[in-house]
All heavy atoms as atom14 arrays in JSON, in Angstrom:
{
  "sequence": "FQLYYNRTWIWKDGAGYFAAKGRDFKAWSG",
  "atom14_mask": [
    [1, 1, 1, 1, 1, 1, 1, 1, 1, 1, 1, 0, 0, 0],
    [1, 1, 1, 1, 1, 1, 1, 1, 1, 0, 0, 0, 0, 0],
    [1, 1, 1, 1, 1, 1, 1, 1, 0, 0, 0, 0, 0, 0],
    [1, 1, 1, 1, 1, 1, 1, 1, 1, 1, 1, 1, 0, 0],
    [1, 1, 1, 1, 1, 1, 1, 1, 1, 1, 1, 1, 0, 0],
    [1, 1, 1, 1, 1, 1, 1, 1, 0, 0, 0, 0, 0, 0],
    [1, 1, 1, 1, 1, 1, 1, 1, 1, 1, 1, 0, 0, 0],
    [1, 1, 1, 1, 1, 1, 1, 0, 0, 0, 0, 0, 0, 0],
    [1, 1, 1, 1, 1, 1, 1, 1, 1, 1, 1, 1, 1, 1],
    [1, 1, 1, 1, 1, 1, 1, 1, 0, 0, 0, 0, 0, 0],
    [1, 1, 1, 1, 1, 1, 1, 1, 1, 1, 1, 1, 1, 1],
    [1, 1, 1, 1, 1, 1, 1, 1, 1, 0, 0, 0, 0, 0],
    [1, 1, 1, 1, 1, 1, 1, 1, 0, 0, 0, 0, 0, 0],
    [1, 1, 1, 1, 0, 0, 0, 0, 0, 0, 0, 0, 0, 0],
    [1, 1, 1, 1, 1, 0, 0, 0, 0, 0, 0, 0, 0, 0],
    [1, 1, 1, 1, 0, 0, 0, 0, 0, 0, 0, 0, 0, 0],
    [1, 1, 1, 1, 1, 1, 1, 1, 1, 1, 1, 1, 0, 0],
    [1, 1, 1, 1, 1, 1, 1, 1, 1, 1, 1, 0, 0, 0],
    [1, 1, 1, 1, 1, 0, 0, 0, 0, 0, 0, 0, 0, 0],
    [1, 1, 1, 1, 1, 0, 0, 0, 0, 0, 0, 0, 0, 0],
    [1, 1, 1, 1, 1, 1, 1, 1, 1, 0, 0, 0, 0, 0],
    [1, 1, 1, 1, 0, 0, 0, 0, 0, 0, 0, 0, 0, 0],
    [1, 1, 1, 1, 1, 1, 1, 1, 1, 1, 1, 0, 0, 0],
    [1, 1, 1, 1, 1, 1, 1, 1, 0, 0, 0, 0, 0, 0],
    [1, 1, 1, 1, 1, 1, 1, 1, 1, 1, 1, 0, 0, 0],
    [1, 1, 1, 1, 1, 1, 1, 1, 1, 0, 0, 0, 0, 0],
    [1, 1, 1, 1, 1, 0, 0, 0, 0, 0, 0, 0, 0, 0],
    [1, 1, 1, 1, 1, 1, 1, 1, 1, 1, 1, 1, 1, 1],
    [1, 1, 1, 1, 1, 1, 0, 0, 0, 0, 0, 0, 0, 0],
    [1, 1, 1, 1, 0, 0, 0, 0, 0, 0, 0, 0, 0, 0]
  ],
  "atom14_positions": [
    [[116.38, 84.14, 83.76], [115.97, 82.86, 84.43], [115.66, 83.01, 85.89], [114.63, 82.53, 86.46], [117.08, 81.84, 84.15], [116.78, 80.48, 84.71], [116.0, 79.55, 84.19], [117.36, 80.12, 85.93], [115.73, 78.3, 84.7], [117.14, 78.86, 86.6], [116.22, 77.99, 85.97], [0.0, 0.0, 0.0], [0.0, 0.0, 0.0], [0.0, 0.0, 0.0]],
    [[116.58, 83.75, 86.63], [116.31, 83.96, 88.03], [115.03, 84.79, 88.3], [114.53, 84.57, 89.44], [117.57, 84.68, 88.6], [118.86, 83.89, 88.64], [118.76, 82.64, 89.49], [118.11, 82.49, 90.5], [119.38, 81.53, 88.98], [0.0, 0.0, 0.0], [0.0, 0.0, 0.0], [0.0, 0.0, 0.0], [0.0, 0.0, 0.0], [0.0, 0.0, 0.0]],
    [[114.6, 85.55, 87.4], [113.43, 86.41, 87.66], [112.2, 85.52, 87.65], [111.14, 85.82, 88.3], [113.28, 87.48, 86.64], [114.17, 88.69, 86.66], [113.97, 89.5, 85.4], [113.9, 89.44, 87.88], [0.0, 0.0, 0.0], [0.0, 0.0, 0.0], [0.0, 0.0, 0.0], [0.0, 0.0, 0.0], [0.0, 0.0, 0.0], [0.0, 0.0, 0.0]],
    [[112.17, 84.38, 86.78], [110.95, 83.69, 86.57], [110.85, 82.2, 87.09], [109.79, 81.69, 87.25], [110.66, 83.68, 85.03], [110.3, 85.05, 84.55], [111.25, 85.89, 83.96], [109.04, 85.58, 84.66], [111.01, 87.14, 83.47], [108.73, 86.83, 84.15], [109.76, 87.61, 83.64], [109.48, 88.86, 83.12], [0.0, 0.0, 0.0], [0.0, 0.0, 0.0]],
    [[112.01, 81.55, 87.23], [111.98, 80.09, 87.47], [111.22, 79.74, 88.66], [111.4, 80.39, 89.78], [113.34, 79.46, 87.38], [114.09, 79.36, 88.73], [114.13, 78.27, 89.47], [114.69, 80.61, 89.15], [114.82, 78.28, 90.66], [115.44, 80.6, 90.33], [115.49, 79.44, 91.1], [116.18, 79.43, 92.27], [0.0, 0.0, 0.0], [0.0, 0.0, 0.0]],
    [[110.33, 78.76, 88.59], [109.45, 78.31, 89.75], [108.59, 79.48, 90.34], [108.36, 79.53, 91.47], [110.25, 77.62, 90.84], [110.53, 76.2, 90.5], [109.71, 75.6, 89.73], [111.43, 75.59, 91.17], [0.0, 0.0, 0.0], [0.0, 0.0, 0.0], [0.0, 0.0, 0.0], [0.0, 0.0, 0.0], [0.0, 0.0, 0.0], [0.0, 0.0, 0.0]],
    [[108.27, 80.37, 89.41], [107.35, 81.49, 89.83], [106.12, 81.52, 88.95], [106.11, 81.04, 87.76], [108.12, 82.79, 89.71], [109.15, 83.02, 90.78], [109.98, 84.25, 90.6], [110.69, 84.69, 91.76], [111.77, 84.15, 92.22], [112.26, 83.12, 91.61], [112.38, 84.63, 93.27], [0.0, 0.0, 0.0], [0.0, 0.0, 0.0], [0.0, 0.0, 0.0]],
    [[105.09, 82.21, 89.46], [103.84, 82.47, 88.73], [103.69, 83.98, 88.51], [103.88, 84.74, 89.46], [102.64, 81.92, 89.51], [102.83, 80.56, 89.82], [101.37, 82.13, 88.83], [0.0, 0.0, 0.0], [0.0, 0.0, 0.0], [0.0, 0.0, 0.0], [0.0, 0.0, 0.0], [0.0, 0.0, 0.0], [0.0, 0.0, 0.0], [0.0, 0.0, 0.0]],
    [[103.42, 84.3, 87.3], [103.09, 85.72, 86.86], [101.58, 85.78, 86.99], [100.88, 85.22, 86.21], [103.62, 86.05, 85.53], [103.69, 87.5, 85.18], [103.09, 88.52, 85.8], [104.25, 88.04, 83.99], [103.27, 89.64, 85.16], [104.0, 89.38, 84.01], [104.98, 87.49, 82.94], [104.45, 90.23, 82.99], [105.4, 88.33, 81.94], [105.09, 89.65, 81.99]],
    [[101.07, 86.54, 87.92], [99.58, 86.69, 88.12], [99.12, 87.86, 87.2], [99.67, 88.95, 87.3], [99.3, 87.08, 89.59], [100.0, 86.2, 90.58], [97.72, 87.27, 89.72], [99.36, 84.79, 90.76], [0.0, 0.0, 0.0], [0.0, 0.0, 0.0], [0.0, 0.0, 0.0], [0.0, 0.0, 0.0], [0.0, 0.0, 0.0], [0.0, 0.0, 0.0]],
    [[98.2, 87.6, 86.35], [97.67, 88.57, 85.35], [96.37, 89.11, 85.89], [95.81, 88.56, 86.92], [97.53, 87.95, 84.05], [98.77, 87.36, 83.46], [100.06, 87.83, 83.63], [98.95, 86.12, 82.71], [101.0, 87.05, 82.99], [100.34, 86.0, 82.47], [98.09, 85.18, 82.27], [100.81, 84.89, 81.71], [98.51, 84.16, 81.54], [99.83, 83.97, 81.24]],
    [[95.83, 90.11, 85.25], [94.56, 90.67, 85.65], [93.48, 89.57, 85.66], [92.67, 89.59, 86.62], [94.18, 91.8, 84.6], [92.89, 92.44, 84.93], [92.54, 93.6, 83.95], [91.21, 94.14, 84.23], [90.71, 95.18, 83.29], [0.0, 0.0, 0.0], [0.0, 0.0, 0.0], [0.0, 0.0, 0.0], [0.0, 0.0, 0.0], [0.0, 0.0, 0.0]],
    [[93.48, 88.74, 84.72], [92.44, 87.72, 84.62], [93.01, 86.34, 84.32], [92.69, 85.72, 83.32], [91.32, 88.13, 83.54], [90.03, 87.31, 83.71], [89.84, 86.64, 84.69], [89.28, 87.39, 82.79], [0.0, 0.0, 0.0], [0.0, 0.0, 0.0], [0.0, 0.0, 0.0], [0.0, 0.0, 0.0], [0.0, 0.0, 0.0], [0.0, 0.0, 0.0]],
    [[94.05, 85.88, 85.15], [94.65, 84.62, 84.86], [96.06, 84.62, 85.42], [96.41, 85.5, 86.28], [0.0, 0.0, 0.0], [0.0, 0.0, 0.0], [0.0, 0.0, 0.0], [0.0, 0.0, 0.0], [0.0, 0.0, 0.0], [0.0, 0.0, 0.0], [0.0, 0.0, 0.0], [0.0, 0.0, 0.0], [0.0, 0.0, 0.0], [0.0, 0.0, 0.0]],
    [[96.82, 83.67, 85.06], [98.18, 83.46, 85.58], [98.94, 82.51, 84.69], [98.37, 81.61, 83.98], [98.13, 82.98, 86.95], [0.0, 0.0, 0.0], [0.0, 0.0, 0.0], [0.0, 0.0, 0.0], [0.0, 0.0, 0.0], [0.0, 0.0, 0.0], [0.0, 0.0, 0.0], [0.0, 0.0, 0.0], [0.0, 0.0, 0.0], [0.0, 0.0, 0.0]],
    [[100.31, 82.64, 84.75], [101.1, 81.76, 84.02], [102.28, 81.25, 84.96], [102.95, 82.05, 85.65], [0.0, 0.0, 0.0], [0.0, 0.0, 0.0], [0.0, 0.0, 0.0], [0.0, 0.0, 0.0], [0.0, 0.0, 0.0], [0.0, 0.0, 0.0], [0.0, 0.0, 0.0], [0.0, 0.0, 0.0], [0.0, 0.0, 0.0], [0.0, 0.0, 0.0]],
    [[102.57, 79.91, 84.95], [103.63, 79.39, 85.86], [104.79, 78.88, 84.98], [104.61, 78.2, 83.99], [102.97, 78.21, 86.65], [103.98, 77.5, 87.49], [104.67, 78.17, 88.45], [104.18, 76.19, 87.38], [105.62, 77.54, 89.28], [105.11, 75.51, 88.12], [105.79, 76.13, 89.16], [106.71, 75.5, 89.86], [0.0, 0.0, 0.0], [0.0, 0.0, 0.0]],
    [[105.95, 79.27, 85.54], [107.24, 78.99, 84.77], [107.97, 77.99, 85.69], [108.78, 78.32, 86.51], [108.04, 80.33, 84.66], [107.41, 81.38, 83.89], [106.55, 82.22, 84.53], [107.54, 81.45, 82.44], [105.89, 83.25, 83.78], [106.96, 82.44, 81.77], [106.03, 83.26, 82.42], [0.0, 0.0, 0.0], [0.0, 0.0, 0.0], [0.0, 0.0, 0.0]],
    [[107.7, 76.71, 85.42], [108.31, 75.64, 86.26], [109.77, 75.46, 85.88], [110.18, 75.6, 84.74], [107.57, 74.31, 85.98], [0.0, 0.0, 0.0], [0.0, 0.0, 0.0], [0.0, 0.0, 0.0], [0.0, 0.0, 0.0], [0.0, 0.0, 0.0], [0.0, 0.0, 0.0], [0.0, 0.0, 0.0], [0.0, 0.0, 0.0], [0.0, 0.0, 0.0]],
    [[110.58, 75.22, 86.89], [111.96, 74.86, 86.64], [112.15, 73.52, 85.96], [112.99, 73.35, 85.02], [112.84, 75.04, 87.93], [0.0, 0.0, 0.0], [0.0, 0.0, 0.0], [0.0, 0.0, 0.0], [0.0, 0.0, 0.0], [0.0, 0.0, 0.0], [0.0, 0.0, 0.0], [0.0, 0.0, 0.0], [0.0, 0.0, 0.0], [0.0, 0.0, 0.0]],
    [[111.43, 72.58, 86.48], [111.45, 71.25, 85.96], [110.98, 71.14, 84.5], [109.77, 71.46, 84.22], [110.68, 70.34, 86.82], [110.76, 68.79, 86.44], [110.05, 67.89, 87.31], [110.24, 66.53, 86.85], [109.38, 65.54, 87.62], [0.0, 0.0, 0.0], [0.0, 0.0, 0.0], [0.0, 0.0, 0.0], [0.0, 0.0, 0.0], [0.0, 0.0, 0.0]],
    [[111.8, 70.82, 83.58], [111.47, 70.72, 82.27], [111.1, 71.98, 81.49], [110.69, 72.02, 80.35], [0.0, 0.0, 0.0], [0.0, 0.0, 0.0], [0.0, 0.0, 0.0], [0.0, 0.0, 0.0], [0.0, 0.0, 0.0], [0.0, 0.0, 0.0], [0.0, 0.0, 0.0], [0.0, 0.0, 0.0], [0.0, 0.0, 0.0], [0.0, 0.0, 0.0]],
    [[111.26, 73.12, 82.22], [110.88, 74.45, 81.72], [109.4, 74.42, 81.26], [109.09, 75.07, 80.23], [111.84, 74.94, 80.62], [113.25, 75.12, 81.0], [113.52, 76.39, 81.62], [114.85, 76.58, 81.91], [115.75, 77.24, 81.23], [115.43, 77.91, 80.15], [117.03, 77.36, 81.66], [0.0, 0.0, 0.0], [0.0, 0.0, 0.0], [0.0, 0.0, 0.0]],
    [[108.57, 73.73, 81.98], [107.16, 73.64, 81.64], [106.46, 74.93, 81.84], [106.84, 75.69, 82.81], [106.46, 72.58, 82.43], [106.81, 71.13, 82.03], [107.31, 71.0, 80.86], [106.61, 70.22, 82.85], [0.0, 0.0, 0.0], [0.0, 0.0, 0.0], [0.0, 0.0, 0.0], [0.0, 0.0, 0.0], [0.0, 0.0, 0.0], [0.0, 0.0, 0.0]],
    [[105.5, 75.28, 81.0], [104.74, 76.54, 81.16], [103.3, 76.15, 81.11], [102.85, 75.38, 80.21], [105.04, 77.49, 79.94], [104.15, 78.7, 79.99], [104.44, 79.73, 80.88], [103.13, 78.83, 79.09], [103.61, 80.86, 80.84], [102.25, 79.92, 79.15], [102.51, 80.93, 79.91], [0.0, 0.0, 0.0], [0.0, 0.0, 0.0], [0.0, 0.0, 0.0]],
    [[102.55, 76.59, 82.08], [101.11, 76.34, 82.21], [100.46, 77.71, 82.49], [100.92, 78.46, 83.29], [100.66, 75.4, 83.26], [100.91, 73.95, 82.95], [100.36, 73.12, 84.03], [100.6, 71.6, 83.77], [100.2, 70.81, 84.99], [0.0, 0.0, 0.0], [0.0, 0.0, 0.0], [0.0, 0.0, 0.0], [0.0, 0.0, 0.0], [0.0, 0.0, 0.0]],
    [[99.34, 77.97, 81.72], [98.64, 79.22, 82.06], [97.22, 79.13, 81.76], [96.7, 78.19, 81.16], [99.23, 80.34, 81.17], [0.0, 0.0, 0.0], [0.0, 0.0, 0.0], [0.0, 0.0, 0.0], [0.0, 0.0, 0.0], [0.0, 0.0, 0.0], [0.0, 0.0, 0.0], [0.0, 0.0, 0.0], [0.0, 0.0, 0.0], [0.0, 0.0, 0.0]],
    [[96.43, 80.08, 82.3], [94.98, 80.19, 82.04], [94.66, 81.7, 81.98], [95.39, 82.52, 82.5], [94.18, 79.47, 83.11], [94.23, 80.14, 84.45], [95.19, 79.92, 85.4], [93.33, 81.04, 85.0], [94.86, 80.68, 86.5], [93.76, 81.39, 86.27], [92.09, 81.59, 84.55], [93.08, 82.33, 87.16], [91.46, 82.48, 85.28], [91.95, 82.78, 86.65]],
    [[93.55, 82.01, 81.31], [93.14, 83.38, 81.28], [91.66, 83.41, 81.0], [91.03, 82.61, 80.25], [93.82, 84.0, 80.01], [93.42, 85.37, 79.83], [0.0, 0.0, 0.0], [0.0, 0.0, 0.0], [0.0, 0.0, 0.0], [0.0, 0.0, 0.0], [0.0, 0.0, 0.0], [0.0, 0.0, 0.0], [0.0, 0.0, 0.0], [0.0, 0.0, 0.0]],
    [[91.02, 84.36, 81.65], [89.62, 84.67, 81.41], [88.56, 83.72, 82.04], [88.5, 82.56, 81.69], [0.0, 0.0, 0.0], [0.0, 0.0, 0.0], [0.0, 0.0, 0.0], [0.0, 0.0, 0.0], [0.0, 0.0, 0.0], [0.0, 0.0, 0.0], [0.0, 0.0, 0.0], [0.0, 0.0, 0.0], [0.0, 0.0, 0.0], [0.0, 0.0, 0.0]]
  ]
}
């Protein structure tokens, strides 16, 4: 949890955000 909460994992062609609030996940690619 500490590694990811309220952080964005930047990918080669996109990104995914791990929100602390509600554990929402949003991402895009390509």
